[in-house]
Every structure is written in C-alpha cells, then in structure tokens.
Amino acid sequence: MSLGVFLAVLGAAFLHALWNALIKLGTSKVGTMVILSVVEVPIGLIVVAVSPPIDPAAIPWVIAAGCTHFAYKFFLTYAYDRGDLSRVYPIARGAAPMVVALVGAVALSDAVSAKQYAAILVLGLGILMMARGVFSSGEDRRLLPFALGSAAATATYTLIDGMGARVSGAPAAYVAWVFVADGLIFTLGMLALRGWSVLPRDARAWGLGSVASLASYGAYAVSIWAMTLAPIAVVAALRETSILFAVLIGWLAFGERMDKGKAIAAIVIVAGVLMMRL
C-alpha cells in the first residue's frame, strides 16, 4: 500500500466516524438516517452523470450492495438508540475486518502477508477492547445484537463492494450507483415499515442528514477506490481506525467518558495501523 493510499484511507476513516456522529446527534436516529439516504440519491445521480459507464456485469453487485447496506443502516440506527457512539461504533465495526480477512483468504485472489494478518489481528483486538465497557460498565446490553448485526452487514458489503468495483471498470461510477440503490432501498424500506412519520420535519434534522450523506459518500468513495489498488482485507482493517476518531469525537464533542480502558484500546489500534504501514 502506497503512502498516498494509506493517507487517503485514514481520511476516509475520519469521514466515516463523522457521519456516524451526526446520526447520533439526531433526535430520531432512524429519521436522520432516512434523510441521509434520501440525499444519497441525487449525489449518486450527479456523479453518474459525469462518470464513465460501468460494465453491465457490475449491476448485480450494485443491487446486492444496496440490499446489504439496508441491513447495515437498519441495525446501526437501532444500536445508536441504545448506546453511546464510543461503544456502539467499535462493536459495529470491530468484527468486520476479521470476517473480511478470513473470507478473503479463501474466496479472493488478494495476496495478504502474514505480517498484514498479524496487523489485522492486533487492530481487531484493540477494537474489541474498546467495546468491553458494555459488559463492565453497566451499559444497555440490548445494543449488542443490533451492533453485531451491523458488523455482519459491514463484512458482507465490504466484500461485495471490493469485487463489484473491480468488475465495474469505473470505481467512482460504481460507488455512485450503489449510493442510488442504497438510498432508494433504505428510504422505501423504512417508509414501508414505519410510514411517512419516519421523515423528520425540522430543518436541523435535514441539515445533519445532508452533511452526514456528503461525509458518507466521501468515506465510501475513497475506500472503494483504495480497494482497487490494495488488498481488500488490509484496506478494510485500516479503515477501522475510524474507531479512534469516533472515540475522540464522543469524548470531545459528546462528553462521553474517557477511561483507562479506552485509552489502552486506542493505543492498540494505533499499533495495528503502524504494523500495517512499517
């Protein structure tokens, strides 16, 4: 992985933590996520209009990604209703790189070295340490099934997107089409489940959701682009440094508790990143 790709993925990690923080700020987590999804559609269509066409062979991957993103968003929003950013986010993101690495070793042609697998394991350990407060701090354990469901969906769409972008021949356009599919499927799905009342009526919610959507697109596009240049498992693991950014946002912006356990977990995460780079 080149230095440019490495730094770009770190930037994507920050943007990912940022849009999750904006969802957490919303009075209605589901409502803000629906707004994010609504805004995704015009963003995707604008990018499609100025991008080269994708290979038709990538269309099934686009549809699969849109369906998987529905599950990801559904589980994530309900988890945020039950827990802090600095707890839900690590659990939701933590298990995904492990699944990606194991499946990638069997099903993909990416060459991942033993050193890189060791770095993925260290990074995963740090993420799991970050999430341990659910058991030790008396927090609402009902967040766990939703956060773990989000993690499973993350691992699935990471593999789908990495392969779909390669088949498409045009990663930027592929991401844009996934945004359109994702936005439509989640919006229509939540309207079917919850009715029109799921849409917030206040300007603040629309502002938060719109900014979150732009940050989500930036994070997603950079990650998919990086997956066309570096092993999917390594990019997926490096992207999980967004855990560190999420913990800092939770501490500095939301006033969430920063204890010794969180600090140690953050150090382990940084160590995993350095192992990947050195």
Protein backbone atom coordinates (compact mmCIF):
# COMPACT_ATOMS: atom_id res chain seq x y z
CA MET A 1 0.00 0.00 0.00
CA SER A 2 1.48 3.36 -1.06
CA LEU A 3 1.68 6.35 1.28
CA GLY A 4 -0.95 8.21 -0.75
CA VAL A 5 -3.46 5.37 -0.49
CA PHE A 6 -2.64 4.95 3.21
CA LEU A 7 -3.36 8.63 3.99
CA ALA A 8 -6.48 8.64 1.82
CA VAL A 9 -7.95 5.68 3.73
CA LEU A 10 -7.21 7.42 7.05
CA GLY A 11 -9.12 10.46 5.76
CA ALA A 12 -11.99 8.19 4.80
CA ALA A 13 -11.92 6.73 8.32
CA PHE A 14 -12.39 10.21 9.82
CA LEU A 15 -15.29 10.98 7.48
CA HIS A 16 -16.93 7.68 8.42
CA ALA A 17 -16.70 8.48 12.13
CA LEU A 18 -18.03 11.98 11.43
CA TRP A 19 -21.20 10.88 9.65
CA ASN A 20 -21.91 8.33 12.40
CA ALA A 21 -21.53 11.11 14.97
CA LEU A 22 -24.04 13.24 13.04
CA ILE A 23 -26.53 10.35 13.04
CA LYS A 24 -26.03 10.00 16.80
CA LEU A 25 -26.77 13.73 17.22
CA GLY A 26 -30.17 13.40 15.61
CA THR A 27 -33.24 13.37 17.83
CA SER A 28 -34.53 10.48 15.72
CA LYS A 29 -31.66 8.22 14.66
CA VAL A 30 -33.82 6.41 12.11
CA GLY A 31 -35.21 9.67 10.77
CA THR A 32 -31.76 11.19 10.31
CA MET A 33 -30.60 8.01 8.56
CA VAL A 34 -33.58 8.21 6.20
CA ILE A 35 -32.64 11.82 5.35
CA LEU A 36 -29.07 10.69 4.70
CA SER A 37 -30.45 8.05 2.35
CA VAL A 38 -32.73 10.49 0.53
CA VAL A 39 -29.79 12.84 -0.11
CA GLU A 40 -27.66 9.91 -1.31
CA VAL A 41 -29.81 9.54 -4.43
CA PRO A 42 -29.13 12.96 -6.03
CA ILE A 43 -25.46 12.75 -5.01
CA GLY A 44 -25.18 9.41 -6.77
CA LEU A 45 -27.03 10.59 -9.88
CA ILE A 46 -24.81 13.68 -10.20
CA VAL A 47 -21.67 11.55 -10.04
CA VAL A 48 -23.15 9.06 -12.52
CA ALA A 49 -23.83 11.89 -14.96
CA VAL A 50 -20.17 12.96 -15.07
CA SER A 51 -18.60 9.48 -14.85
CA PRO A 52 -17.91 6.81 -17.46
CA PRO A 53 -20.49 3.99 -17.55
CA ILE A 54 -19.94 0.87 -15.51
CA ASP A 55 -19.67 -2.58 -17.04
CA PRO A 56 -23.17 -4.17 -17.06
CA ALA A 57 -21.64 -7.18 -15.29
CA ALA A 58 -21.41 -4.98 -12.16
CA ILE A 59 -25.20 -4.40 -11.95
CA PRO A 60 -25.87 -7.49 -9.77
CA TRP A 61 -23.12 -6.28 -7.42
CA VAL A 62 -24.79 -2.85 -7.20
CA ILE A 63 -28.14 -4.41 -6.27
CA ALA A 64 -26.53 -6.76 -3.74
CA ALA A 65 -24.66 -3.85 -2.17
CA GLY A 66 -27.84 -1.77 -1.89
CA CYS A 67 -29.66 -4.59 -0.11
CA THR A 68 -26.75 -5.21 2.26
CA HIS A 69 -26.46 -1.52 3.07
CA PHE A 70 -30.12 -1.57 4.12
CA ALA A 71 -29.30 -4.17 6.76
CA TYR A 72 -26.21 -2.21 7.84
CA LYS A 73 -28.14 1.04 8.32
CA PHE A 74 -31.11 -0.66 9.97
CA PHE A 75 -29.03 -2.38 12.64
CA LEU A 76 -26.78 0.64 13.19
CA THR A 77 -29.57 3.14 13.82
CA TYR A 78 -31.29 0.89 16.35
CA ALA A 79 -27.96 0.29 18.10
CA TYR A 80 -27.41 4.06 18.43
CA ASP A 81 -30.82 4.33 20.08
CA ARG A 82 -29.43 2.12 22.86
CA GLY A 83 -25.77 3.09 23.33
CA ASP A 84 -23.02 5.71 23.07
CA LEU A 85 -21.05 6.40 19.91
CA SER A 86 -17.84 5.24 21.58
CA ARG A 87 -19.39 1.85 22.45
CA VAL A 88 -21.69 1.04 19.54
CA TYR A 89 -19.24 2.10 16.84
CA PRO A 90 -16.37 -0.17 17.97
CA ILE A 91 -18.61 -3.22 18.18
CA ALA A 92 -20.35 -2.47 14.89
CA ARG A 93 -17.04 -2.03 13.07
CA GLY A 94 -14.83 -4.37 15.06
CA ALA A 95 -15.83 -7.81 13.87
CA ALA A 96 -15.97 -6.88 10.18
CA PRO A 97 -12.21 -6.94 9.34
CA MET A 98 -11.83 -10.37 10.86
CA VAL A 99 -14.60 -11.77 8.67
CA VAL A 100 -13.26 -9.98 5.58
CA ALA A 101 -9.75 -11.33 6.15
CA LEU A 102 -10.90 -14.91 6.65
CA VAL A 103 -13.27 -14.92 3.68
CA GLY A 104 -10.80 -13.00 1.52
CA ALA A 105 -8.09 -15.58 2.14
CA VAL A 106 -10.36 -18.31 0.76
CA ALA A 107 -12.54 -16.61 -1.85
CA LEU A 108 -10.38 -13.78 -3.22
CA SER A 109 -7.10 -13.57 -5.08
CA ASP A 110 -5.60 -10.85 -2.86
CA ALA A 111 -2.14 -11.61 -1.54
CA VAL A 112 -2.15 -10.77 2.18
CA SER A 113 1.09 -11.44 4.05
CA ALA A 114 1.44 -12.98 7.48
CA LYS A 115 2.57 -9.59 8.79
CA GLN A 116 -0.57 -7.95 7.47
CA TYR A 117 -2.76 -10.63 9.04
CA ALA A 118 -0.95 -10.03 12.33
CA ALA A 119 -1.69 -6.32 11.99
CA ILE A 120 -5.37 -7.08 11.34
CA LEU A 121 -5.49 -9.24 14.48
CA VAL A 122 -3.87 -6.52 16.62
CA LEU A 123 -6.25 -3.92 15.25
CA GLY A 124 -9.20 -6.22 15.90
CA LEU A 125 -8.02 -6.80 19.46
CA GLY A 126 -7.93 -3.06 20.08
CA ILE A 127 -11.42 -2.65 18.71
CA LEU A 128 -12.79 -5.44 20.91
CA MET A 129 -11.07 -3.92 23.95
CA MET A 130 -12.77 -0.63 23.11
CA ALA A 131 -16.15 -2.35 23.24
CA ARG A 132 -15.71 -4.17 26.55
CA GLY A 133 -17.50 -1.45 28.53
CA VAL A 134 -20.83 -2.94 27.51
CA PHE A 135 -20.12 -5.74 29.98
CA SER A 136 -18.11 -3.90 32.63
CA SER A 137 -19.84 -0.51 32.90
CA GLY A 138 -23.46 -1.50 33.24
CA GLU A 139 -24.45 -0.21 29.81
CA ASP A 140 -27.54 -1.31 27.90
CA ARG A 141 -26.73 -4.75 26.51
CA ARG A 142 -29.70 -4.58 24.17
CA LEU A 143 -27.42 -2.70 21.79
CA LEU A 144 -25.31 -5.83 21.22
CA PRO A 145 -27.50 -7.77 18.73
CA PHE A 146 -28.01 -4.64 16.64
CA ALA A 147 -24.32 -3.69 16.70
CA LEU A 148 -23.29 -7.26 15.80
CA GLY A 149 -25.87 -7.34 13.00
CA SER A 150 -24.33 -4.15 11.65
CA ALA A 151 -20.88 -5.76 11.83
CA ALA A 152 -22.06 -8.76 9.82
CA ALA A 153 -23.56 -6.48 7.18
CA THR A 154 -20.35 -4.43 7.06
CA ALA A 155 -18.26 -7.51 6.38
CA THR A 156 -20.66 -8.59 3.64
CA TYR A 157 -20.82 -5.27 1.80
CA THR A 158 -17.05 -4.81 2.09
CA LEU A 159 -16.51 -7.96 0.07
CA ILE A 160 -19.33 -7.14 -2.36
CA ASP A 161 -18.08 -3.61 -2.96
CA GLY A 162 -14.45 -4.58 -3.36
CA MET A 163 -15.29 -7.15 -6.03
CA GLY A 164 -18.04 -5.06 -7.63
CA ALA A 165 -15.75 -2.05 -8.08
CA ARG A 166 -13.18 -4.23 -9.82
CA VAL A 167 -15.78 -5.73 -12.16
CA SER A 168 -17.28 -2.31 -12.93
CA GLY A 169 -14.15 -0.87 -14.53
CA ALA A 170 -15.16 2.55 -13.14
CA PRO A 171 -14.97 2.67 -9.30
CA ALA A 172 -16.37 6.22 -8.98
CA ALA A 173 -19.42 5.39 -11.08
CA TYR A 174 -19.87 2.09 -9.23
CA VAL A 175 -19.94 3.92 -5.88
CA ALA A 176 -22.44 6.40 -7.29
CA TRP A 177 -24.80 3.66 -8.48
CA VAL A 178 -24.53 1.91 -5.10
CA PHE A 179 -25.47 5.22 -3.45
CA VAL A 180 -28.56 5.44 -5.65
CA ALA A 181 -29.56 1.84 -4.93
CA ASP A 182 -28.75 2.16 -1.23
CA GLY A 183 -30.67 5.43 -0.85
CA LEU A 184 -33.76 4.16 -2.65
CA ILE A 185 -33.86 0.77 -0.92
CA PHE A 186 -33.40 2.14 2.60
CA THR A 187 -35.81 5.06 2.15
CA LEU A 188 -38.57 2.96 0.59
CA GLY A 189 -37.96 0.15 3.08
CA MET A 190 -38.27 2.40 6.13
CA LEU A 191 -41.34 4.16 4.69
CA ALA A 192 -42.92 0.74 4.26
CA LEU A 193 -42.03 -0.28 7.81
CA ARG A 194 -42.65 3.00 9.66
CA GLY A 195 -44.81 5.17 7.38
CA TRP A 196 -44.33 8.83 6.45
CA SER A 197 -43.92 9.76 10.13
CA VAL A 198 -40.34 8.45 9.93
CA LEU A 199 -39.36 11.60 8.00
CA PRO A 200 -38.37 14.45 10.37
CA ARG A 201 -39.99 17.81 9.73
CA ASP A 202 -37.37 20.17 11.24
CA ALA A 203 -34.59 21.89 9.31
CA ARG A 204 -31.88 20.82 11.78
CA ALA A 205 -32.51 17.14 11.09
CA TRP A 206 -32.33 17.73 7.33
CA GLY A 207 -29.11 19.69 7.75
CA LEU A 208 -27.50 16.94 9.85
CA GLY A 209 -28.66 14.23 7.48
CA SER A 210 -27.43 16.09 4.40
CA VAL A 211 -23.96 16.76 5.81
CA ALA A 212 -23.79 13.15 7.01
CA SER A 213 -24.66 11.97 3.50
CA LEU A 214 -21.84 14.03 1.94
CA ALA A 215 -19.35 12.72 4.51
CA SER A 216 -20.60 9.18 3.93
CA TYR A 217 -20.06 9.50 0.18
CA GLY A 218 -16.52 10.80 0.67
CA ALA A 219 -15.63 7.99 3.06
CA TYR A 220 -17.21 5.33 0.87
CA ALA A 221 -15.75 6.52 -2.44
CA VAL A 222 -12.19 6.73 -1.12
CA SER A 223 -12.43 3.27 0.45
CA ILE A 224 -13.74 1.63 -2.73
CA TRP A 225 -11.06 3.38 -4.81
CA ALA A 226 -8.39 2.12 -2.39
CA MET A 227 -9.72 -1.45 -2.69
CA THR A 228 -8.92 -1.38 -6.39
CA LEU A 229 -5.27 -0.61 -5.58
CA ALA A 230 -4.58 -2.59 -2.40
CA PRO A 231 -5.79 -5.87 -0.78
CA ILE A 232 -9.41 -5.60 0.37
CA ALA A 233 -8.68 -7.08 3.82
CA VAL A 234 -5.91 -4.55 4.50
CA VAL A 235 -7.98 -1.55 3.36
CA ALA A 236 -10.93 -2.78 5.44
CA ALA A 237 -8.76 -3.11 8.54
CA LEU A 238 -7.07 0.28 8.11
CA ARG A 239 -10.46 1.89 7.66
CA GLU A 240 -11.33 0.66 11.15
CA THR A 241 -9.04 3.36 12.58
CA SER A 242 -12.28 5.33 12.37
CA ILE A 243 -12.78 3.79 15.83
CA LEU A 244 -10.12 6.13 17.19
CA PHE A 245 -11.75 9.14 15.55
CA ALA A 246 -15.18 8.10 16.86
CA VAL A 247 -13.89 7.78 20.42
CA LEU A 248 -12.29 11.23 20.22
CA ILE A 249 -15.50 12.75 18.85
CA GLY A 250 -17.51 11.02 21.56
CA TRP A 251 -15.15 12.33 24.25
CA LEU A 252 -14.58 15.88 22.99
CA ALA A 253 -17.94 16.67 21.37
CA PHE A 254 -20.43 14.49 23.27
CA GLY A 255 -18.75 14.44 26.68
CA GLU A 256 -18.59 10.64 26.79
CA ARG A 257 -16.32 9.16 29.42
CA MET A 258 -12.66 8.58 28.51
CA ASP A 259 -11.32 5.96 30.91
CA LYS A 260 -8.11 3.95 31.06
CA GLY A 261 -9.62 1.07 29.07
CA LYS A 262 -10.49 3.31 26.17
CA ALA A 263 -7.02 4.88 26.16
CA ILE A 264 -5.28 1.48 26.11
CA ALA A 265 -7.59 0.26 23.34
CA ALA A 266 -6.75 3.36 21.30
CA ILE A 267 -3.02 2.64 21.68
CA VAL A 268 -3.53 -0.95 20.48
CA ILE A 269 -5.46 0.33 17.45
CA VAL A 270 -2.64 2.73 16.57
CA ALA A 271 -0.15 -0.12 16.96
CA GLY A 272 -2.14 -2.18 14.46
CA VAL A 273 -2.02 0.69 11.97
CA LEU A 274 1.75 1.07 12.38
CA MET A 275 2.26 -2.68 11.88
CA MET A 276 0.39 -2.39 8.59
CA ARG A 277 2.49 0.54 7.41
CA LEU A 278 6.01 -0.42 8.57
